[in-house]
N, C-alpha and C. Protein backbone atom coordinates (compact mmCIF):
# COMPACT_ATOMS: atom_id res chain seq x y z
N MET A 1 22.71 7.04 229.06
CA MET A 1 22.97 6.70 227.59
C MET A 1 23.83 7.76 227.01
N PRO A 2 24.44 7.32 226.11
CA PRO A 2 25.38 8.40 225.26
C PRO A 2 24.71 9.29 224.35
N LYS A 3 25.12 10.35 224.19
CA LYS A 3 24.55 11.46 223.29
C LYS A 3 25.34 11.44 221.97
N TYR A 4 24.71 11.60 220.78
CA TYR A 4 25.45 11.60 219.54
C TYR A 4 24.90 12.72 218.85
N ASP A 5 25.95 13.27 218.04
CA ASP A 5 25.59 14.52 217.27
C ASP A 5 25.17 14.09 215.78
N TYR A 6 24.30 14.70 215.23
CA TYR A 6 23.85 14.30 213.67
C TYR A 6 23.75 15.78 213.18
N VAL A 7 23.82 15.50 211.79
CA VAL A 7 23.68 16.70 210.96
C VAL A 7 22.65 16.24 209.72
N CYS A 8 21.72 17.41 209.45
CA CYS A 8 20.72 16.82 208.36
C CYS A 8 21.18 16.95 206.99
N THR A 9 21.03 15.85 206.30
CA THR A 9 21.37 15.92 204.86
C THR A 9 20.81 16.97 203.90
N ALA A 10 19.74 17.49 204.39
CA ALA A 10 19.01 18.44 203.50
C ALA A 10 19.24 20.00 203.79
N CYS A 11 19.01 20.09 205.32
CA CYS A 11 19.09 21.59 205.74
C CYS A 11 20.28 22.00 206.60
N ASP A 12 21.11 20.97 206.75
CA ASP A 12 22.53 21.17 207.43
C ASP A 12 22.14 21.63 208.92
N THR A 13 21.09 21.32 209.46
CA THR A 13 20.72 21.50 210.89
C THR A 13 21.60 20.45 211.68
N VAL A 14 22.24 20.93 212.99
CA VAL A 14 22.89 19.95 213.68
C VAL A 14 22.15 19.79 214.87
N PHE A 15 21.90 18.55 215.41
CA PHE A 15 20.94 18.08 216.37
C PHE A 15 21.67 16.92 217.08
N GLU A 16 21.26 16.81 218.42
CA GLU A 16 21.91 15.87 219.33
C GLU A 16 20.79 14.82 219.55
N VAL A 17 21.27 13.54 219.75
CA VAL A 17 20.20 12.49 219.92
C VAL A 17 20.86 11.67 221.10
N THR A 18 20.08 11.35 222.24
CA THR A 18 20.44 10.40 223.08
C THR A 18 19.70 9.08 222.73
N ARG A 19 20.64 8.15 222.69
CA ARG A 19 20.43 6.69 222.22
C ARG A 19 21.30 5.71 222.65
N SER A 20 20.91 4.38 222.71
CA SER A 20 21.85 3.41 223.23
C SER A 20 22.91 3.17 222.21
N MET A 21 23.93 2.60 222.59
CA MET A 21 25.06 2.26 221.53
C MET A 21 24.78 1.14 220.51
N THR A 22 23.79 0.35 220.83
CA THR A 22 23.39 -0.70 219.99
C THR A 22 22.37 -0.42 218.97
N SER A 23 21.70 0.74 219.28
CA SER A 23 20.52 1.00 218.36
C SER A 23 21.09 1.41 216.92
N THR A 24 20.26 0.85 215.82
CA THR A 24 20.64 0.95 214.57
C THR A 24 19.45 1.71 213.71
N ALA A 25 18.72 2.44 214.63
CA ALA A 25 17.58 3.21 213.98
C ALA A 25 18.10 4.57 213.25
N THR A 26 17.50 4.90 212.15
CA THR A 26 17.81 6.09 211.53
C THR A 26 17.10 7.45 212.26
N GLU A 27 18.10 8.33 212.27
CA GLU A 27 17.45 9.54 212.99
C GLU A 27 17.03 10.46 211.99
N HIS A 28 16.01 11.30 212.29
CA HIS A 28 15.46 12.43 211.29
C HIS A 28 15.54 13.73 211.95
N CYS A 29 15.66 14.67 211.15
CA CYS A 29 16.09 16.10 211.48
C CYS A 29 14.67 16.57 212.19
N PRO A 30 14.90 17.24 213.40
CA PRO A 30 13.60 17.77 214.03
C PRO A 30 13.21 18.88 213.18
N ALA A 31 13.68 19.65 212.33
CA ALA A 31 13.49 20.90 211.74
C ALA A 31 12.50 20.41 210.33
N CYS A 32 13.08 19.64 209.79
CA CYS A 32 12.44 19.25 208.46
C CYS A 32 11.99 17.82 208.20
N GLY A 33 12.57 16.94 209.00
CA GLY A 33 12.09 15.36 208.90
C GLY A 33 13.03 14.72 208.04
N GLU A 34 14.02 15.28 207.41
CA GLU A 34 14.90 14.39 206.60
C GLU A 34 15.79 13.45 207.44
N VAL A 35 16.51 12.45 206.76
CA VAL A 35 17.60 11.73 207.43
C VAL A 35 18.65 12.35 207.87
N GLY A 36 19.14 12.15 209.19
CA GLY A 36 20.35 12.83 209.73
C GLY A 36 21.46 11.89 209.39
N LYS A 37 22.76 12.36 209.44
CA LYS A 37 23.95 11.82 209.40
C LYS A 37 24.71 11.90 210.59
N ARG A 38 25.39 10.89 211.26
CA ARG A 38 26.06 10.90 212.44
C ARG A 38 27.32 11.79 212.02
N VAL A 39 27.68 12.46 213.08
CA VAL A 39 28.81 13.32 213.07
C VAL A 39 29.78 12.77 214.03
N PHE A 40 31.04 12.47 213.61
CA PHE A 40 32.06 11.97 214.46
C PHE A 40 33.18 13.19 214.71
N THR A 41 33.25 13.30 215.96
CA THR A 41 34.16 14.29 216.57
C THR A 41 35.31 13.66 217.13
N PRO A 42 36.45 14.16 217.03
CA PRO A 42 37.72 13.56 217.54
C PRO A 42 37.57 14.06 219.31
N VAL A 43 38.15 12.99 219.86
CA VAL A 43 38.29 13.29 221.50
C VAL A 43 39.66 13.28 221.84
N GLY A 44 39.87 14.29 222.55
CA GLY A 44 41.19 14.66 223.13
C GLY A 44 41.74 13.58 224.03
N VAL A 45 42.59 12.85 223.77
CA VAL A 45 43.20 11.87 224.85
C VAL A 45 44.69 12.27 225.23
N ALA A 46 45.02 12.39 226.57
CA ALA A 46 46.28 12.67 226.79
C ALA A 46 46.81 11.64 227.79
N PHE A 47 48.00 10.83 227.35
CA PHE A 47 48.65 9.71 227.89
C PHE A 47 49.61 10.25 228.85
N LYS A 48 49.21 10.35 230.48
CA LYS A 48 49.97 10.89 231.33
C LYS A 48 50.33 9.85 232.28
N GLY A 49 51.51 9.80 233.00
CA GLY A 49 51.93 8.85 233.98
C GLY A 49 52.38 7.45 233.27
N SER A 50 52.67 6.61 234.19
CA SER A 50 53.15 5.27 233.71
C SER A 50 52.02 4.43 233.47
N GLY A 51 52.49 3.26 232.59
CA GLY A 51 51.38 2.44 232.28
C GLY A 51 50.89 2.44 230.85
N PHE A 52 51.48 3.35 230.06
CA PHE A 52 51.19 3.53 228.69
C PHE A 52 52.24 3.19 227.90
N HIS A 53 52.30 2.72 226.60
CA HIS A 53 53.27 2.44 225.83
C HIS A 53 54.28 3.55 225.45
N ASN A 54 53.66 4.79 225.34
CA ASN A 54 54.60 5.94 225.00
C ASN A 54 55.41 6.27 226.04
N THR A 55 55.01 6.06 227.28
CA THR A 55 55.97 6.54 228.45
C THR A 55 56.68 5.53 229.10
N ASP A 56 56.38 4.23 228.87
CA ASP A 56 57.25 3.27 229.57
C ASP A 56 58.09 2.63 228.56
N TYR A 57 57.95 2.41 227.19
CA TYR A 57 58.92 1.82 226.22
C TYR A 57 59.56 2.82 225.51
N ARG A 58 59.66 4.16 225.76
CA ARG A 58 60.58 5.06 224.82
C ARG A 58 62.10 4.77 225.40
N PRO A 59 63.23 5.05 224.73
CA PRO A 59 64.51 4.86 225.21
C PRO A 59 64.67 5.98 226.36
N ARG A 60 65.38 5.49 227.34
CA ARG A 60 65.65 6.38 228.41
C ARG A 60 66.91 7.34 228.00
N PRO A 61 66.94 8.58 228.47
CA PRO A 61 68.08 9.28 228.31
C PRO A 61 69.42 8.86 228.93
N LYS A 62 70.67 8.85 228.29
CA LYS A 62 71.69 8.34 228.94
C LYS A 62 72.16 9.36 229.97
N ASP A 63 72.69 8.78 230.98
CA ASP A 63 73.34 9.76 232.05
C ASP A 63 74.59 10.24 231.69
N ASP A 64 74.89 11.29 231.17
CA ASP A 64 76.29 11.97 230.80
C ASP A 64 76.99 12.73 231.74
N THR A 65 76.70 12.70 232.85
CA THR A 65 77.23 13.34 234.20
C THR A 65 78.64 12.90 234.48
N PRO A 66 79.70 13.40 234.37
CA PRO A 66 80.85 12.77 234.77
C PRO A 66 81.08 12.58 236.07
N PRO A 67 81.81 11.42 236.63
CA PRO A 67 81.75 10.92 237.98
C PRO A 67 82.24 12.17 238.88
N ALA A 68 81.98 12.15 240.15
CA ALA A 68 82.57 13.02 240.93
C ALA A 68 84.07 12.91 241.20
N PRO A 69 84.87 13.93 241.47
CA PRO A 69 86.28 13.74 241.49
C PRO A 69 86.57 13.14 242.93
N ALA A 70 87.59 12.41 243.00
CA ALA A 70 88.02 11.67 244.23
C ALA A 70 88.66 12.73 245.15
N CYS A 71 88.43 12.47 246.40
CA CYS A 71 88.93 13.47 247.40
C CYS A 71 90.22 13.14 247.57
N PRO A 72 91.39 14.07 247.72
CA PRO A 72 92.79 13.70 248.09
C PRO A 72 92.97 13.34 249.39
N ALA A 73 92.24 13.77 250.24
CA ALA A 73 92.22 13.47 251.68
C ALA A 73 91.86 12.23 252.13
N LYS A 74 91.13 11.27 251.32
CA LYS A 74 90.65 10.11 251.64
C LYS A 74 91.46 8.98 252.05
N ASP A 75 92.63 8.86 251.29
CA ASP A 75 93.41 7.81 251.48
C ASP A 75 94.86 8.40 252.11
N SER A 76 95.00 9.57 252.48
CA SER A 76 96.25 10.10 253.06
C SER A 76 95.97 10.48 254.45
N ALA A 77 97.19 10.70 255.08
CA ALA A 77 97.18 11.02 256.60
C ALA A 77 96.80 12.64 256.94
N SER A 78 96.46 13.46 255.59
CA SER A 78 96.40 14.87 255.77
C SER A 78 94.97 14.97 256.23
N PRO A 79 94.69 16.09 256.78
CA PRO A 79 93.40 16.52 257.30
C PRO A 79 92.48 16.50 256.09
N LYS A 80 90.97 16.21 256.43
CA LYS A 80 90.02 16.26 255.36
C LYS A 80 89.86 17.65 254.83
N CYS A 81 89.35 17.61 253.79
CA CYS A 81 88.85 19.01 253.11
C CYS A 81 87.57 19.54 253.76
N SER A 82 87.45 20.73 253.63
CA SER A 82 86.26 21.41 254.18
C SER A 82 84.96 21.06 253.55
N GLY A 83 84.11 20.48 254.35
CA GLY A 83 82.80 19.85 253.81
C GLY A 83 82.96 18.55 253.08
N CYS A 84 84.00 18.03 253.29
CA CYS A 84 84.23 16.70 252.60
C CYS A 84 83.97 15.52 253.54
N LYS A 85 82.97 14.49 253.22
CA LYS A 85 82.94 13.60 254.27
C LYS A 85 83.70 12.18 253.92
N ALA A 86 84.62 12.39 252.93
CA ALA A 86 85.29 11.11 252.60
C ALA A 86 86.31 10.74 253.69
N GLY A 87 86.76 11.50 254.49
CA GLY A 87 87.73 11.25 255.43
C GLY A 87 87.32 10.81 256.78
N GLU A 88 85.91 10.90 257.04
CA GLU A 88 85.14 10.29 258.14
C GLU A 88 85.13 8.85 258.27
C-alpha cells in the first residue's frame, strides 16, 4: 500500500498515512485531531535510453566530417603509401 504525506490545516504538523489509492476517507492529524490536507511532492523522473519520445524523435546531428582523401597510389602503377590499404 502506498504512503501519502499530509499536513494539518490547524497546527501545520506533517504526518504520513498508509492507505489504498482508492480510499476517499479524510485523514485527521494525530497531534490535534483536525483535518489533514494531502501534500503533493514532485517525483524526479529521468528519461534515459531508447524508447522515449525525447530520445528517439529529436533531430539527429548532421555528419559534417569531410570525406577521406583518395589515395594517389590506388589507381597508379606506383608503389602504395606507407600504411595505406588502398593498393592491396
